[in-house]
Amino acid sequence: MRVIFMGSPEFSVPVLDALVEAGHEIAAVYCQPPRPAGRGKKDRPTPVQARAEALGLPVRHPTSLKDPGAQEAFADVKADIAVVVAYGLLLPQAVLDAPRHGCVNIHASLLPRWRGAAPIHRAIMAGDAETGVCIMQMEAGLDTGPVLWREATPIGAEETTGQLHDRLSEMGARLIVEALERLETLTPEPQPQEGVTYAAKIEKAEARIDWAWRAEEVDRQIRGLSPFPGAWCEADGQRIKLLASRMAQGCGAPGQILDEALNVACGRGAVRLLRLQRAGGKAQDAQEFLRGMPLLKGTRLT
């Protein structure tokens, strides 16, 4: 098929690769424009732009698709379909209608649960047992379109957002190829009205640990916010990011380190810290971290 691909972050790259490997013609790649990044604040292309250019594909990065000129340029591609995954701009109706088969979106949740910006984070933080990927026919509403193809997967007891992100990205790449092969025979299923939840964008204020919470809530917060933005607490006035954890045994005052294994008491129960990062430092497994910053039994994390 003649495809317009629309995506920006690392999550989208395996999907682009899969479409190319499956033999589809990528007529244009749309992504967010380069933005200042790093210490030098030089413009840095998105991962999708970098990959598309490496593959020799034409790249476009309009700041908006509301402009009639941008919409005309999109329609002039005369695509069979547009494949959208974490693109970052809303698509006006004129854009949705332009390809022969419309626009399909790869969404990292089991719709209608977790429509919106941060479905992977929210699924882990809410304690969901499973999540998945939906291939959805796009319409004007936010992730409201009928589902063409879906697949579920369990969420591991110690899985972080980063790990689940990579699994779902690969799953989405496989599913879109399968969906395009079967496109003529797939029946769009309208999303049910019951069970709708919204995955709001992660706010910085959500990252600070409250050790008075139950252990399972703290554990889900740590794993759900890893690697970005990273749940954090303080020890001796220094900020520490907590990047991996598991449920543990023990009790004590909330935030108290219970032993040399870095089991920490919560409001009820305890968690074991598995991976940590000091401000300005690199992420380290617990025992390596302790060699550089000892956290003794009885220390209170705040």
Protein backbone atom coordinates (compact mmCIF):
# COMPACT_ATOMS: atom_id res chain seq x y z
CA MET A 1 0.00 0.00 0.00
CA ARG A 2 0.98 3.62 -0.45
CA VAL A 3 1.35 4.84 3.13
CA ILE A 4 1.80 8.14 4.94
CA PHE A 5 3.53 7.43 8.24
CA MET A 6 2.96 9.84 11.13
CA GLY A 7 4.98 9.48 14.35
CA SER A 8 7.68 11.18 16.37
CA PRO A 9 9.23 9.40 19.42
CA GLU A 10 11.24 6.22 19.80
CA PHE A 11 8.01 4.24 20.31
CA SER A 12 7.12 4.86 16.65
CA VAL A 13 10.41 3.75 15.07
CA PRO A 14 9.84 -0.05 15.11
CA VAL A 15 6.48 0.54 13.41
CA LEU A 16 8.12 2.49 10.58
CA ASP A 17 10.73 -0.24 10.17
CA ALA A 18 8.05 -2.94 10.08
CA LEU A 19 6.08 -1.16 7.36
CA VAL A 20 9.19 -0.77 5.23
CA GLU A 21 10.20 -4.41 5.74
CA ALA A 22 6.68 -5.55 4.80
CA GLY A 23 7.09 -3.88 1.43
CA HIS A 24 4.74 -0.93 1.79
CA GLU A 25 5.58 2.26 -0.05
CA ILE A 26 6.21 5.02 2.50
CA ALA A 27 5.25 8.04 0.41
CA ALA A 28 5.84 10.60 3.21
CA VAL A 29 6.85 10.63 6.86
CA TYR A 30 5.28 13.26 9.11
CA CYS A 31 6.82 14.00 12.52
CA GLN A 32 7.32 16.80 15.01
CA PRO A 33 9.92 19.41 13.96
CA PRO A 34 13.44 19.37 15.43
CA ARG A 35 13.66 21.07 18.80
CA PRO A 36 16.54 22.38 20.95
CA ALA A 37 18.02 19.66 23.15
CA GLY A 38 21.17 18.83 25.10
CA ARG A 39 23.66 21.18 26.68
CA GLY A 40 24.24 23.12 23.48
CA LYS A 41 20.51 23.50 22.86
CA LYS A 42 21.01 22.62 19.21
CA ASP A 43 18.00 21.52 17.20
CA ARG A 44 17.65 17.76 17.44
CA PRO A 45 15.44 15.75 15.08
CA THR A 46 12.92 13.32 16.50
CA PRO A 47 13.85 9.62 16.48
CA VAL A 48 11.38 9.06 13.62
CA GLN A 49 12.95 11.80 11.48
CA ALA A 50 16.43 10.40 12.10
CA ARG A 51 15.31 6.89 11.14
CA ALA A 52 13.34 8.06 8.10
CA GLU A 53 16.31 10.01 6.77
CA ALA A 54 18.55 6.98 7.29
CA LEU A 55 16.08 4.98 5.20
CA GLY A 56 16.01 7.67 2.50
CA LEU A 57 12.36 8.55 3.08
CA PRO A 58 10.89 12.04 2.53
CA VAL A 59 10.21 13.82 5.83
CA ARG A 60 7.75 16.60 6.59
CA HIS A 61 7.30 18.36 9.92
CA PRO A 62 4.61 21.06 9.74
CA THR A 63 3.90 22.86 13.00
CA SER A 64 0.17 22.50 12.35
CA LEU A 65 -2.17 20.64 10.01
CA LYS A 66 -4.95 23.21 10.31
CA ASP A 67 -3.49 25.32 7.51
CA PRO A 68 -5.24 24.71 4.15
CA GLY A 69 -1.87 24.55 2.42
CA ALA A 70 -0.67 21.78 4.74
CA GLN A 71 -3.92 19.88 4.21
CA GLU A 72 -3.61 20.21 0.43
CA ALA A 73 -0.02 18.95 0.54
CA PHE A 74 -1.17 15.98 2.62
CA ALA A 75 -3.97 15.14 0.16
CA ASP A 76 -1.61 15.50 -2.81
CA VAL A 77 0.35 12.45 -1.59
CA LYS A 78 -2.67 10.37 -2.68
CA ALA A 79 -2.02 7.74 -0.04
CA ASP A 80 -4.01 4.57 0.42
CA ILE A 81 -3.80 4.97 4.18
CA ALA A 82 -2.08 6.97 6.93
CA VAL A 83 -0.58 5.06 9.87
CA VAL A 84 -0.37 7.21 13.00
CA VAL A 85 1.51 6.33 16.19
CA ALA A 86 2.42 8.92 18.84
CA TYR A 87 2.56 11.72 16.26
CA GLY A 88 1.85 14.63 18.58
CA LEU A 89 -0.59 16.76 16.56
CA LEU A 90 -4.37 16.57 16.25
CA LEU A 91 -5.54 15.61 12.77
CA PRO A 92 -8.33 17.81 11.30
CA GLN A 93 -11.21 16.10 9.50
CA ALA A 94 -9.79 17.08 6.10
CA VAL A 95 -6.62 15.14 6.92
CA LEU A 96 -8.53 12.16 8.32
CA ASP A 97 -10.56 11.94 5.11
CA ALA A 98 -7.71 12.39 2.61
CA PRO A 99 -6.26 8.84 2.30
CA ARG A 100 -8.38 6.28 0.45
CA HIS A 101 -8.75 4.13 3.60
CA GLY A 102 -8.52 7.03 6.06
CA CYS A 103 -6.12 7.14 9.02
CA VAL A 104 -5.45 4.35 11.51
CA ASN A 105 -3.84 4.82 14.91
CA ILE A 106 -1.74 2.40 16.94
CA HIS A 107 -2.72 2.98 20.57
CA ALA A 108 -0.94 1.35 23.52
CA SER A 109 -3.94 0.32 25.61
CA LEU A 110 -7.05 -1.85 25.47
CA LEU A 111 -9.54 0.79 24.41
CA PRO A 112 -11.76 2.31 25.72
CA ARG A 113 -9.53 2.06 28.80
CA TRP A 114 -6.77 4.67 28.87
CA ARG A 115 -7.56 6.94 26.00
CA GLY A 116 -5.15 9.85 25.84
CA ALA A 117 -1.53 10.82 26.33
CA ALA A 118 0.02 8.40 28.86
CA PRO A 119 -1.67 4.99 28.62
CA ILE A 120 1.41 2.92 29.53
CA HIS A 121 2.24 4.93 32.66
CA ARG A 122 -1.38 4.94 33.79
CA ALA A 123 -1.92 1.21 33.32
CA ILE A 124 1.01 0.37 35.62
CA MET A 125 0.20 3.08 38.17
CA ALA A 126 -3.40 1.87 38.38
CA GLY A 127 -2.31 -1.72 38.99
CA ASP A 128 -3.88 -3.12 35.80
CA ALA A 129 -3.24 -6.83 35.30
CA GLU A 130 -3.03 -6.46 31.53
CA THR A 131 -2.80 -3.96 28.72
CA GLY A 132 -2.26 -4.25 24.99
CA VAL A 133 -2.38 -2.56 21.60
CA CYS A 134 -5.37 -1.46 19.53
CA ILE A 135 -5.35 -0.59 15.84
CA MET A 136 -8.07 2.05 15.65
CA GLN A 137 -9.79 3.80 12.74
CA MET A 138 -9.31 7.46 13.57
CA GLU A 139 -12.10 10.00 13.92
CA ALA A 140 -12.31 13.53 15.31
CA GLY A 141 -12.63 12.50 19.00
CA LEU A 142 -9.69 11.65 21.27
CA ASP A 143 -9.05 7.92 20.71
CA THR A 144 -12.77 7.30 20.22
CA GLY A 145 -12.72 5.55 16.85
CA PRO A 146 -13.76 1.95 16.16
CA VAL A 147 -11.15 -0.75 16.76
CA LEU A 148 -9.99 -2.86 13.82
CA TRP A 149 -7.53 -5.16 15.57
CA ARG A 150 -6.39 -5.68 19.15
CA GLU A 151 -4.12 -7.88 21.25
CA ALA A 152 -3.73 -8.07 25.04
CA THR A 153 -0.65 -8.83 27.11
CA PRO A 154 -0.15 -9.26 30.88
CA ILE A 155 1.80 -6.62 32.81
CA GLY A 156 4.70 -8.16 34.74
CA ALA A 157 4.81 -7.81 38.52
CA GLU A 158 8.11 -5.90 38.32
CA GLU A 159 7.72 -4.37 34.86
CA THR A 160 8.47 -0.67 34.43
CA THR A 161 6.94 1.74 31.95
CA GLY A 162 10.19 1.66 29.98
CA GLN A 163 10.12 -2.12 29.65
CA LEU A 164 6.43 -2.26 28.80
CA HIS A 165 6.87 0.62 26.32
CA ASP A 166 9.40 -1.44 24.35
CA ARG A 167 7.21 -4.55 24.36
CA LEU A 168 4.13 -2.67 23.18
CA SER A 169 6.10 -0.85 20.49
CA GLU A 170 7.21 -4.17 18.99
CA MET A 171 3.67 -5.54 19.37
CA GLY A 172 2.22 -2.53 17.56
CA ALA A 173 4.72 -2.95 14.72
CA ARG A 174 3.65 -6.56 14.24
CA LEU A 175 -0.07 -5.85 14.55
CA ILE A 176 -0.16 -3.00 12.03
CA VAL A 177 1.44 -5.20 9.38
CA GLU A 178 -1.13 -7.92 10.11
CA ALA A 179 -3.98 -5.38 10.07
CA LEU A 180 -2.96 -3.91 6.70
CA GLU A 181 -2.76 -7.40 5.21
CA ARG A 182 -6.35 -8.04 6.33
CA LEU A 183 -7.69 -4.51 5.95
CA GLU A 184 -10.36 -5.34 3.39
CA THR A 185 -11.87 -8.03 5.63
CA LEU A 186 -11.63 -6.37 9.06
CA THR A 187 -14.86 -5.22 10.69
CA PRO A 188 -14.51 -2.00 12.75
CA GLU A 189 -15.91 -2.54 16.25
CA PRO A 190 -17.30 0.59 17.95
CA GLN A 191 -15.85 1.16 21.41
CA PRO A 192 -18.30 0.46 24.25
CA GLN A 193 -19.54 3.39 26.30
CA GLU A 194 -18.73 1.58 29.55
CA GLY A 195 -15.17 1.38 30.85
CA VAL A 196 -13.90 4.64 29.38
CA THR A 197 -10.89 6.07 31.25
CA TYR A 198 -8.47 8.84 30.30
CA ALA A 199 -4.71 8.63 30.59
CA ALA A 200 -3.87 12.20 31.51
CA LYS A 201 -0.40 13.55 30.82
CA ILE A 202 2.02 12.84 33.68
CA GLU A 203 2.59 15.91 35.85
CA LYS A 204 5.86 16.55 37.70
CA ALA A 205 4.01 16.75 41.01
CA GLU A 206 3.05 13.08 40.68
CA ALA A 207 6.67 11.97 40.87
CA ARG A 208 7.36 12.72 44.54
CA ILE A 209 7.03 9.63 46.73
CA ASP A 210 4.71 9.70 49.73
CA TRP A 211 5.91 6.88 51.95
CA ALA A 212 2.63 6.97 53.89
CA TRP A 213 0.98 5.26 50.92
CA ARG A 214 0.47 1.50 50.90
CA ALA A 215 3.43 -0.48 49.56
CA GLU A 216 1.60 -1.59 46.42
CA GLU A 217 0.82 2.05 45.56
CA VAL A 218 4.43 3.14 46.07
CA ASP A 219 5.70 0.20 44.01
CA ARG A 220 3.34 1.03 41.15
CA GLN A 221 4.34 4.70 41.28
CA ILE A 222 8.04 3.81 41.05
CA ARG A 223 7.58 1.37 38.18
CA GLY A 224 4.98 3.48 36.38
CA LEU A 225 7.20 6.59 36.31
CA SER A 226 10.39 4.78 35.28
CA PRO A 227 12.44 5.89 33.46
CA PHE A 228 10.66 9.20 32.91
CA PRO A 229 10.05 11.41 34.76
CA GLY A 230 11.25 9.13 37.57
CA ALA A 231 9.67 8.88 41.02
CA TRP A 232 11.87 10.51 43.64
CA CYS A 233 12.49 11.07 47.33
CA GLU A 234 15.24 12.64 49.42
CA ALA A 235 17.91 11.20 51.70
CA ASP A 236 20.07 13.56 53.77
CA GLY A 237 18.87 16.44 51.62
CA GLN A 238 19.84 14.79 48.33
CA ARG A 239 17.27 13.93 45.69
CA ILE A 240 17.23 10.32 44.56
CA LYS A 241 15.30 8.90 41.64
CA LEU A 242 13.82 5.46 42.20
CA LEU A 243 13.69 3.51 38.95
CA ALA A 244 12.81 -0.09 39.87
CA SER A 245 11.25 -1.84 42.84
CA ARG A 246 9.38 -4.89 44.01
CA MET A 247 7.07 -5.72 46.87
CA ALA A 248 8.83 -6.76 50.11
CA GLN A 249 8.19 -7.86 53.67
CA GLY A 250 8.63 -5.67 56.73
CA CYS A 251 7.16 -2.80 58.68
CA GLY A 252 8.35 0.40 60.30
CA ALA A 253 7.89 4.14 60.15
CA PRO A 254 7.00 5.28 56.62
CA GLY A 255 10.21 5.89 54.64
CA GLN A 256 12.45 4.00 57.09
CA ILE A 257 15.15 1.79 55.56
CA LEU A 258 14.69 -1.60 57.19
CA ASP A 259 17.87 -3.44 56.19
CA GLU A 260 20.93 -3.60 53.93
CA ALA A 261 18.80 -4.93 51.05
CA LEU A 262 17.10 -1.53 50.77
CA ASN A 263 13.70 -2.66 51.92
CA VAL A 264 11.78 0.51 52.84
CA ALA A 265 8.70 0.72 55.06
CA CYS A 266 5.52 2.28 53.67
CA GLY A 267 2.26 3.22 55.32
CA ARG A 268 1.40 -0.45 55.07
CA GLY A 269 3.95 -3.05 53.98
CA ALA A 270 7.31 -2.41 52.36
CA VAL A 271 9.04 -2.15 48.99
CA ARG A 272 12.55 -3.14 47.96
CA LEU A 273 14.42 -0.55 45.90
CA LEU A 274 16.23 -2.21 43.00
CA ARG A 275 17.58 0.66 40.89
CA LEU A 276 18.36 4.24 41.92
CA GLN A 277 19.95 7.41 40.56
CA ARG A 278 21.49 10.39 42.32
CA ALA A 279 21.04 13.88 40.87
CA GLY A 280 23.64 14.29 38.13
CA GLY A 281 24.64 10.63 38.34
CA LYS A 282 23.86 7.52 36.35
CA ALA A 283 21.22 4.91 37.13
CA GLN A 284 22.65 2.05 39.23
CA ASP A 285 21.51 -1.23 40.69
CA ALA A 286 20.95 -1.04 44.45
CA GLN A 287 24.22 -2.54 45.67
CA GLU A 288 26.33 -0.46 43.28
CA PHE A 289 24.42 2.64 44.36
CA LEU A 290 25.06 1.90 48.05
CA ARG A 291 28.82 1.74 47.48
CA GLY A 292 28.73 5.38 46.36
CA MET A 293 26.02 6.60 48.74
CA PRO A 294 25.55 4.38 51.82
CA LEU A 295 21.99 4.37 53.12
CA LEU A 296 22.13 2.76 56.56
CA LYS A 297 19.42 0.78 58.28
CA GLY A 298 17.16 3.20 60.14
CA THR A 299 17.69 6.09 57.71
CA ARG A 300 14.44 7.89 56.86
CA LEU A 301 13.73 8.70 53.24
CA THR A 302 11.57 11.81 52.97
